[in-house]
Amino acid sequence: MPVSDDLPGPALAVRLRELRTSWWPGVLVTQEELAEALSERKPASAQLISSWESTTRVTLPPVSRLNAIVTFYSTRRSIESRPYRLVGEHELTPEEAATRARLKEELLGLRTAALPGAAPALLTPARLSIVGRGPWHYKEGPVLIVCAEPGGETPPAVPDPDASQLARLADLDSLFELHGHLRAVNPDLDVRYCSARDMTQDDWTAHLILLGGIDWNEATHDAMRLTPVPVIQRSDDDDPSRGGFEVVDDGETLSFSPEFDTRGGTRILVQDVGHFFRAPNPLNPDRTITVCNGMFGKGVYGAVRTLTHDVFREKNADFLAQQFSGDTFSLLFRVQVLNGVAVTPAWYAPDTILHAWPED
């Protein structure tokens, strides 16, 4: 019988692996690198790290080892040079010490819950909290979601007093899903949304999240132009089935288009193409640009849900950490549409990914 990750022992193992693979955005710490750093206090090996991260044969690390682990993750100075190292607790800044205290409380709580005879109240693992972790966690703000306005229509000279600001925007299901998740993960940051038409000069230097494609969202068009991603979106208003994404790879052009089916004389969308792309913001390298796109709104929603859906977000985040070592990457993938509903893609499932860049 497989062991559930929600049980206390596996919960600690899963959290230890999460810290190693995605604690610092764009940084994957190998088991060998972590073992080398921990060996500064007591010899460790990659096999030992692997045993602590195993969800099938649970091995609880001693408290002394957890103390060293939380020290390692409490400061980015641990990975500023190679080999990675342990910073002394007395060298931590107040902010780093606070991070260490929070991590220590979490990991020791998970360890206590996994001990034989633990009280049932301890069996709810702290890892279920999404605050302050994952691909949608930002160390600092502001964070701005940029939406398109359907058809690029010019607003009326005299605004309708009953009109809603949201009514102007496209991809509202994606905006609603993502904005709520971002606020939950980053409760202390400034998280806003606006129309591409309303962006100011300063907005371009924030953490940008662009929803939708080049037809209506001019910000997406500019972002794709300013970044090195080899993906081009093509559209055909007369025949949507002829539109798609193109990738120039080693001089060869690869095309990926949505799929339609005819039912009862009506052509319906059964599979869209989603695009998830992230890179440093070319106008402010300390921030990022993220594009959640699709040929249709179903693809945009599928791109958003990959990292917000409570069933798939952890495993999809692990896939990113394993597939890419930097903070610049692009994925084109299938988004199945069943009875008009976009199904959340599992990036790690066979035949879901159509193209990944850069290649490992």
Protein backbone atom coordinates (compact mmCIF):
# COMPACT_ATOMS: atom_id res chain seq x y z
CA MET A 1 0.00 0.00 0.00
CA PRO A 2 1.46 3.43 -0.91
CA VAL A 3 2.17 5.80 1.94
CA SER A 4 0.14 9.03 1.93
CA ASP A 5 2.13 12.26 1.93
CA ASP A 6 -0.46 13.64 4.38
CA LEU A 7 0.70 11.29 7.16
CA PRO A 8 3.07 12.89 9.70
CA GLY A 9 6.24 10.96 8.79
CA PRO A 10 6.00 11.46 5.02
CA ALA A 11 4.91 15.08 5.60
CA LEU A 12 8.31 15.86 7.13
CA ALA A 13 10.08 14.04 4.28
CA VAL A 14 8.09 15.96 1.66
CA ARG A 15 8.80 19.29 3.36
CA LEU A 16 12.54 18.56 3.57
CA ARG A 17 12.57 17.82 -0.15
CA GLU A 18 10.57 20.98 -0.88
CA LEU A 19 13.12 23.08 0.98
CA ARG A 20 15.99 21.54 -0.96
CA THR A 21 14.40 21.86 -4.39
CA SER A 22 12.46 25.12 -4.24
CA TRP A 23 13.19 27.15 -1.09
CA TRP A 24 15.18 29.68 -3.11
CA PRO A 25 13.49 30.49 -6.47
CA GLY A 26 15.56 29.18 -9.35
CA VAL A 27 17.99 27.27 -7.08
CA LEU A 28 18.03 23.48 -6.83
CA VAL A 29 20.28 22.27 -4.03
CA THR A 30 21.40 18.70 -4.69
CA GLN A 31 21.52 16.08 -1.98
CA GLU A 32 25.31 16.00 -2.34
CA GLU A 33 25.58 19.77 -1.87
CA LEU A 34 23.39 19.75 1.22
CA ALA A 35 25.31 16.82 2.69
CA GLU A 36 28.61 18.63 2.15
CA ALA A 37 27.32 21.72 3.96
CA LEU A 38 25.94 19.72 6.90
CA SER A 39 29.23 17.84 7.16
CA GLU A 40 30.84 20.98 8.55
CA ARG A 41 29.28 19.96 11.88
CA LYS A 42 28.89 16.20 11.53
CA PRO A 43 29.66 13.93 8.56
CA ALA A 44 26.70 13.46 6.22
CA SER A 45 26.13 11.82 2.85
CA ALA A 46 23.71 12.08 -0.07
CA GLN A 47 22.33 8.69 0.97
CA LEU A 48 21.54 10.08 4.42
CA ILE A 49 19.74 13.09 2.94
CA SER A 50 17.81 10.73 0.66
CA SER A 51 16.70 8.62 3.63
CA TRP A 52 15.25 11.70 5.35
CA GLU A 53 13.33 12.61 2.18
CA SER A 54 11.93 9.13 1.57
CA THR A 55 8.14 8.84 1.91
CA THR A 56 8.13 5.03 1.65
CA ARG A 57 10.63 4.15 4.39
CA VAL A 58 10.39 7.02 6.84
CA THR A 59 13.60 7.95 8.66
CA LEU A 60 13.30 10.85 11.09
CA PRO A 61 16.40 13.05 11.26
CA PRO A 62 17.71 13.77 14.77
CA VAL A 63 16.88 17.14 16.30
CA SER A 64 20.54 18.19 15.98
CA ARG A 65 20.40 17.57 12.24
CA LEU A 66 17.17 19.58 11.91
CA ASN A 67 18.86 22.44 13.76
CA ALA A 68 21.62 22.44 11.15
CA ILE A 69 19.14 22.18 8.28
CA VAL A 70 17.07 25.18 9.41
CA THR A 71 20.27 27.19 9.82
CA PHE A 72 21.25 26.33 6.24
CA TYR A 73 17.91 27.54 4.84
CA SER A 74 17.65 30.62 7.08
CA THR A 75 20.07 32.66 4.94
CA ARG A 76 20.91 32.85 1.27
CA ARG A 77 24.54 33.29 2.30
CA SER A 78 24.58 29.51 2.64
CA ILE A 79 24.69 29.23 -1.17
CA GLU A 80 26.58 32.37 -2.18
CA SER A 81 29.72 30.39 -2.98
CA ARG A 82 30.70 26.79 -3.61
CA PRO A 83 30.94 24.57 -1.79
CA TYR A 84 27.78 25.53 0.08
CA ARG A 85 28.29 26.13 3.78
CA LEU A 86 26.66 26.57 7.16
CA VAL A 87 26.63 30.09 8.58
CA GLY A 88 27.00 30.25 12.34
CA GLU A 89 23.79 31.04 14.22
CA HIS A 90 25.54 33.97 15.88
CA GLU A 91 26.18 35.47 12.41
CA LEU A 92 22.50 35.59 11.42
CA THR A 93 20.78 38.93 10.95
CA PRO A 94 17.54 39.52 12.91
CA GLU A 95 15.52 38.73 9.78
CA GLU A 96 17.49 35.53 9.15
CA ALA A 97 17.13 34.52 12.80
CA ALA A 98 13.36 35.01 12.52
CA THR A 99 13.29 32.82 9.42
CA ARG A 100 15.29 30.18 11.25
CA ALA A 101 12.92 30.25 14.23
CA ARG A 102 9.90 29.84 11.96
CA LEU A 103 11.44 26.94 10.07
CA LYS A 104 12.60 25.29 13.27
CA GLU A 105 9.12 25.44 14.78
CA GLU A 106 7.64 23.96 11.59
CA LEU A 107 10.11 21.09 11.15
CA LEU A 108 10.27 20.15 14.81
CA GLY A 109 6.46 20.16 14.86
CA LEU A 110 6.37 17.76 11.92
CA ARG A 111 8.97 15.56 13.59
CA THR A 112 7.06 15.49 16.89
CA ALA A 113 3.86 14.60 15.06
CA ALA A 114 5.63 11.63 13.45
CA LEU A 115 6.82 10.11 16.73
CA PRO A 116 5.03 6.99 18.03
CA GLY A 117 2.10 7.91 20.24
CA ALA A 118 1.82 11.48 18.96
CA ALA A 119 -1.39 13.21 19.94
CA PRO A 120 -4.00 13.32 17.14
CA ALA A 121 -3.97 17.13 17.29
CA LEU A 122 -0.40 17.04 16.01
CA LEU A 123 -1.26 15.04 12.90
CA THR A 124 -2.15 18.11 10.84
CA PRO A 125 1.15 18.89 9.12
CA ALA A 126 2.31 22.50 9.03
CA ARG A 127 3.39 21.98 5.43
CA LEU A 128 -0.23 22.37 4.31
CA SER A 129 0.18 26.13 4.68
CA ILE A 130 1.02 27.77 1.36
CA VAL A 131 2.13 31.05 2.97
CA GLY A 132 5.64 32.07 2.02
CA ARG A 133 6.57 29.20 -0.28
CA GLY A 134 6.20 27.83 -3.79
CA PRO A 135 6.71 29.29 -7.28
CA TRP A 136 4.22 32.08 -6.60
CA HIS A 137 6.06 33.27 -3.49
CA TYR A 138 7.90 36.57 -3.85
CA LYS A 139 10.44 37.90 -1.36
CA GLU A 140 9.30 41.47 -2.01
CA GLY A 141 6.71 43.39 -4.02
CA PRO A 142 4.97 44.91 -5.70
CA VAL A 143 3.32 42.14 -7.73
CA LEU A 144 1.14 43.22 -10.64
CA ILE A 145 -1.24 41.02 -12.66
CA VAL A 146 -1.78 42.54 -16.10
CA CYS A 147 -4.92 41.63 -18.03
CA ALA A 148 -6.20 42.37 -21.50
CA GLU A 149 -9.34 44.27 -22.38
CA PRO A 150 -11.53 42.24 -24.79
CA GLY A 151 -11.24 43.51 -28.30
CA GLY A 152 -9.13 46.47 -27.23
CA GLU A 153 -12.21 48.64 -27.27
CA THR A 154 -11.87 52.30 -26.29
CA PRO A 155 -13.72 53.10 -23.05
CA PRO A 156 -16.69 55.48 -23.37
CA ALA A 157 -16.04 59.19 -22.85
CA VAL A 158 -18.63 59.23 -20.05
CA PRO A 159 -18.15 56.23 -17.73
CA ASP A 160 -21.21 54.18 -16.80
CA PRO A 161 -21.74 54.74 -13.04
CA ASP A 162 -22.92 51.11 -12.73
CA ALA A 163 -19.95 49.66 -14.60
CA SER A 164 -17.49 47.44 -12.74
CA GLN A 165 -13.74 47.80 -13.20
CA LEU A 166 -13.49 44.05 -13.58
CA ALA A 167 -16.03 44.09 -16.41
CA ARG A 168 -13.39 45.70 -18.64
CA LEU A 169 -10.94 42.82 -18.26
CA ALA A 170 -10.51 39.52 -20.07
CA ASP A 171 -9.68 36.13 -18.48
CA LEU A 172 -11.62 36.91 -15.32
CA ASP A 173 -11.66 33.27 -14.17
CA SER A 174 -7.85 33.20 -14.40
CA LEU A 175 -7.53 36.57 -12.66
CA PHE A 176 -9.84 35.53 -9.82
CA GLU A 177 -7.98 32.24 -9.30
CA LEU A 178 -4.49 33.75 -9.42
CA HIS A 179 -5.15 36.90 -7.41
CA GLY A 180 -6.57 34.90 -4.51
CA HIS A 181 -3.64 32.49 -4.54
CA LEU A 182 -1.06 35.28 -4.68
CA ARG A 183 -2.64 37.10 -1.74
CA ALA A 184 -2.70 33.87 0.26
CA VAL A 185 0.95 33.04 -0.43
CA ASN A 186 2.16 36.65 -0.02
CA PRO A 187 -0.14 38.15 2.65
CA ASP A 188 2.17 41.08 3.40
CA LEU A 189 2.96 42.14 -0.17
CA ASP A 190 1.26 44.62 -2.47
CA VAL A 191 -0.59 42.43 -5.02
CA ARG A 192 -2.62 44.33 -7.60
CA TYR A 193 -4.14 43.92 -11.05
CA CYS A 194 -4.74 46.30 -13.93
CA SER A 195 -5.40 46.48 -17.64
CA ALA A 196 -2.44 46.50 -20.01
CA ARG A 197 -3.79 49.81 -21.26
CA ASP A 198 -3.58 51.32 -17.77
CA MET A 199 0.03 50.36 -17.02
CA THR A 200 2.31 53.18 -15.90
CA GLN A 201 6.06 53.51 -16.34
CA ASP A 202 6.70 52.30 -12.79
CA ASP A 203 4.44 49.29 -13.27
CA TRP A 204 6.91 47.84 -15.77
CA THR A 205 9.54 47.49 -13.03
CA ALA A 206 7.40 45.35 -10.69
CA HIS A 207 7.03 41.58 -10.57
CA LEU A 208 4.77 41.24 -13.62
CA ILE A 209 2.29 38.44 -14.31
CA LEU A 210 0.74 38.74 -17.76
CA LEU A 211 -2.52 36.96 -18.47
CA GLY A 212 -3.54 36.21 -22.04
CA GLY A 213 -2.01 36.43 -25.46
CA ILE A 214 -0.80 38.94 -27.96
CA ASP A 215 -4.17 39.61 -29.62
CA TRP A 216 -5.55 41.68 -26.73
CA ASN A 217 -2.75 41.97 -24.20
CA GLU A 218 -0.12 44.30 -25.62
CA ALA A 219 2.00 43.82 -22.49
CA THR A 220 2.39 40.14 -23.38
CA HIS A 221 3.48 41.13 -26.87
CA ASP A 222 6.15 43.47 -25.47
CA ALA A 223 7.33 40.95 -22.87
CA MET A 224 7.86 38.26 -25.50
CA ARG A 225 9.78 40.75 -27.62
CA LEU A 226 12.09 41.81 -24.77
CA THR A 227 12.92 38.33 -23.48
CA PRO A 228 14.90 35.47 -25.08
CA VAL A 229 12.14 32.86 -25.16
CA PRO A 230 12.03 31.21 -28.63
CA VAL A 231 8.21 30.98 -28.65
CA ILE A 232 5.99 32.97 -31.03
CA GLN A 233 2.21 33.10 -30.87
CA ARG A 234 0.34 33.20 -34.18
CA SER A 235 -3.37 33.86 -34.55
CA ASP A 236 -5.91 33.78 -37.32
CA ASP A 237 -9.15 35.63 -36.64
CA ASP A 238 -10.84 34.10 -39.67
CA ASP A 239 -10.00 30.51 -38.69
CA PRO A 240 -8.94 30.07 -35.03
CA SER A 241 -7.92 26.46 -35.66
CA ARG A 242 -5.05 27.75 -37.83
CA GLY A 243 -3.51 29.74 -34.99
CA GLY A 244 -0.98 28.34 -32.56
CA PHE A 245 2.45 28.63 -31.01
CA GLU A 246 5.66 28.33 -33.01
CA VAL A 247 9.11 27.47 -31.70
CA VAL A 248 12.32 27.94 -33.66
CA ASP A 249 14.62 25.14 -32.48
CA ASP A 250 18.00 24.56 -34.18
CA GLY A 251 16.73 26.17 -37.37
CA GLU A 252 13.58 24.05 -37.39
CA THR A 253 10.15 25.58 -36.82
CA LEU A 254 7.82 23.55 -34.62
CA SER A 255 4.10 24.36 -34.53
CA PHE A 256 1.59 23.56 -31.79
CA SER A 257 -2.11 24.28 -32.36
CA PRO A 258 -5.34 23.73 -30.43
CA GLU A 259 -7.63 20.88 -31.39
CA PHE A 260 -11.30 21.06 -32.30
CA ASP A 261 -14.07 18.50 -32.71
CA THR A 262 -17.37 18.71 -34.53
CA ARG A 263 -20.40 17.72 -32.48
CA GLY A 264 -23.95 18.21 -33.62
CA GLY A 265 -22.74 20.38 -36.48
CA THR A 266 -20.86 22.69 -34.10
CA ARG A 267 -17.10 22.89 -33.87
CA ILE A 268 -15.92 22.93 -30.26
CA LEU A 269 -12.53 23.26 -28.59
CA VAL A 270 -11.34 19.98 -27.04
CA GLN A 271 -7.66 20.78 -26.41
CA ASP A 272 -5.94 24.12 -26.05
CA VAL A 273 -2.23 24.90 -25.91
CA GLY A 274 -1.03 26.56 -22.72
CA HIS A 275 2.17 28.54 -22.26
CA PHE A 276 3.93 29.24 -18.95
CA PHE A 277 7.01 31.43 -19.20
CA ARG A 278 9.17 33.13 -16.58
CA ALA A 279 12.31 35.26 -16.86
CA PRO A 280 13.98 38.19 -15.10
CA ASN A 281 12.20 41.43 -15.88
CA PRO A 282 14.42 43.05 -18.56
CA LEU A 283 13.47 46.47 -17.18
CA ASN A 284 14.35 45.51 -13.59
CA PRO A 285 16.49 42.35 -13.22
CA ASP A 286 15.59 42.17 -9.51
CA ARG A 287 12.00 41.36 -10.52
CA THR A 288 10.47 38.77 -12.84
CA ILE A 289 8.06 38.53 -15.73
CA THR A 290 5.69 35.57 -15.81
CA VAL A 291 3.36 34.85 -18.73
CA CYS A 292 0.31 32.60 -18.36
CA ASN A 293 -1.01 32.26 -21.87
CA GLY A 294 -3.02 30.08 -24.22
CA MET A 295 -4.55 30.25 -27.64
CA PHE A 296 -7.90 30.61 -25.88
CA GLY A 297 -9.03 31.49 -22.39
CA LYS A 298 -9.08 27.78 -21.51
CA GLY A 299 -5.32 27.62 -22.08
CA VAL A 300 -4.74 30.72 -19.96
CA TYR A 301 -6.77 29.20 -17.13
CA GLY A 302 -4.94 25.89 -17.44
CA ALA A 303 -1.59 27.71 -17.23
CA VAL A 304 -2.68 29.49 -14.04
CA ARG A 305 -4.13 26.38 -12.41
CA THR A 306 -0.95 24.33 -12.83
CA LEU A 307 0.56 26.06 -9.80
CA THR A 308 -2.59 27.00 -7.82
CA HIS A 309 -4.64 23.78 -7.93
CA ASP A 310 -4.36 22.09 -4.52
CA VAL A 311 -3.98 18.64 -6.09
CA PHE A 312 -1.33 19.43 -8.69
CA ARG A 313 0.57 22.54 -7.57
CA GLU A 314 3.14 20.72 -5.38
CA LYS A 315 4.01 18.08 -7.97
CA ASN A 316 4.08 20.62 -10.80
CA ALA A 317 6.40 22.81 -8.69
CA ASP A 318 8.65 19.80 -8.14
CA PHE A 319 8.67 19.23 -11.90
CA LEU A 320 9.89 22.79 -12.45
CA ALA A 321 12.63 22.40 -9.85
CA GLN A 322 13.83 19.16 -11.44
CA GLN A 323 13.54 20.35 -15.05
CA PHE A 324 15.14 23.79 -14.78
CA SER A 325 18.12 25.03 -12.83
CA GLY A 326 17.72 28.77 -13.48
CA ASP A 327 14.99 31.39 -13.28
CA THR A 328 14.38 31.56 -17.03
CA PHE A 329 12.19 28.84 -18.52
CA SER A 330 9.27 28.19 -20.84
CA LEU A 331 6.75 25.35 -21.14
CA LEU A 332 4.21 24.69 -23.87
CA PHE A 333 1.69 22.04 -22.86
CA ARG A 334 -1.67 20.48 -23.59
CA VAL A 335 -4.77 21.75 -21.78
CA GLN A 336 -7.60 19.28 -22.14
CA VAL A 337 -11.09 20.79 -22.40
CA LEU A 338 -13.87 18.43 -21.31
CA ASN A 339 -17.48 19.51 -21.75
CA GLY A 340 -16.29 23.11 -21.97
CA VAL A 341 -14.19 22.93 -18.78
CA ALA A 342 -10.39 23.32 -18.76
CA VAL A 343 -8.74 20.46 -16.84
CA THR A 344 -5.65 21.36 -14.80
CA PRO A 345 -2.55 20.00 -16.58
CA ALA A 346 -0.14 17.70 -14.74
CA TRP A 347 3.20 18.72 -16.22
CA TYR A 348 4.85 15.55 -14.96
CA ALA A 349 2.36 13.27 -16.77
CA PRO A 350 3.40 11.65 -20.09
CA ASP A 351 2.53 13.56 -23.28
CA THR A 352 1.46 16.73 -21.45
CA ILE A 353 4.54 18.84 -22.27
CA LEU A 354 4.85 19.82 -25.93
CA HIS A 355 8.05 21.86 -25.66
CA ALA A 356 10.38 22.86 -22.83
CA TRP A 357 13.04 25.57 -22.96
CA PRO A 358 15.85 25.69 -22.15
CA GLU A 359 16.53 21.97 -22.40
CA ASP A 360 18.21 20.39 -19.41
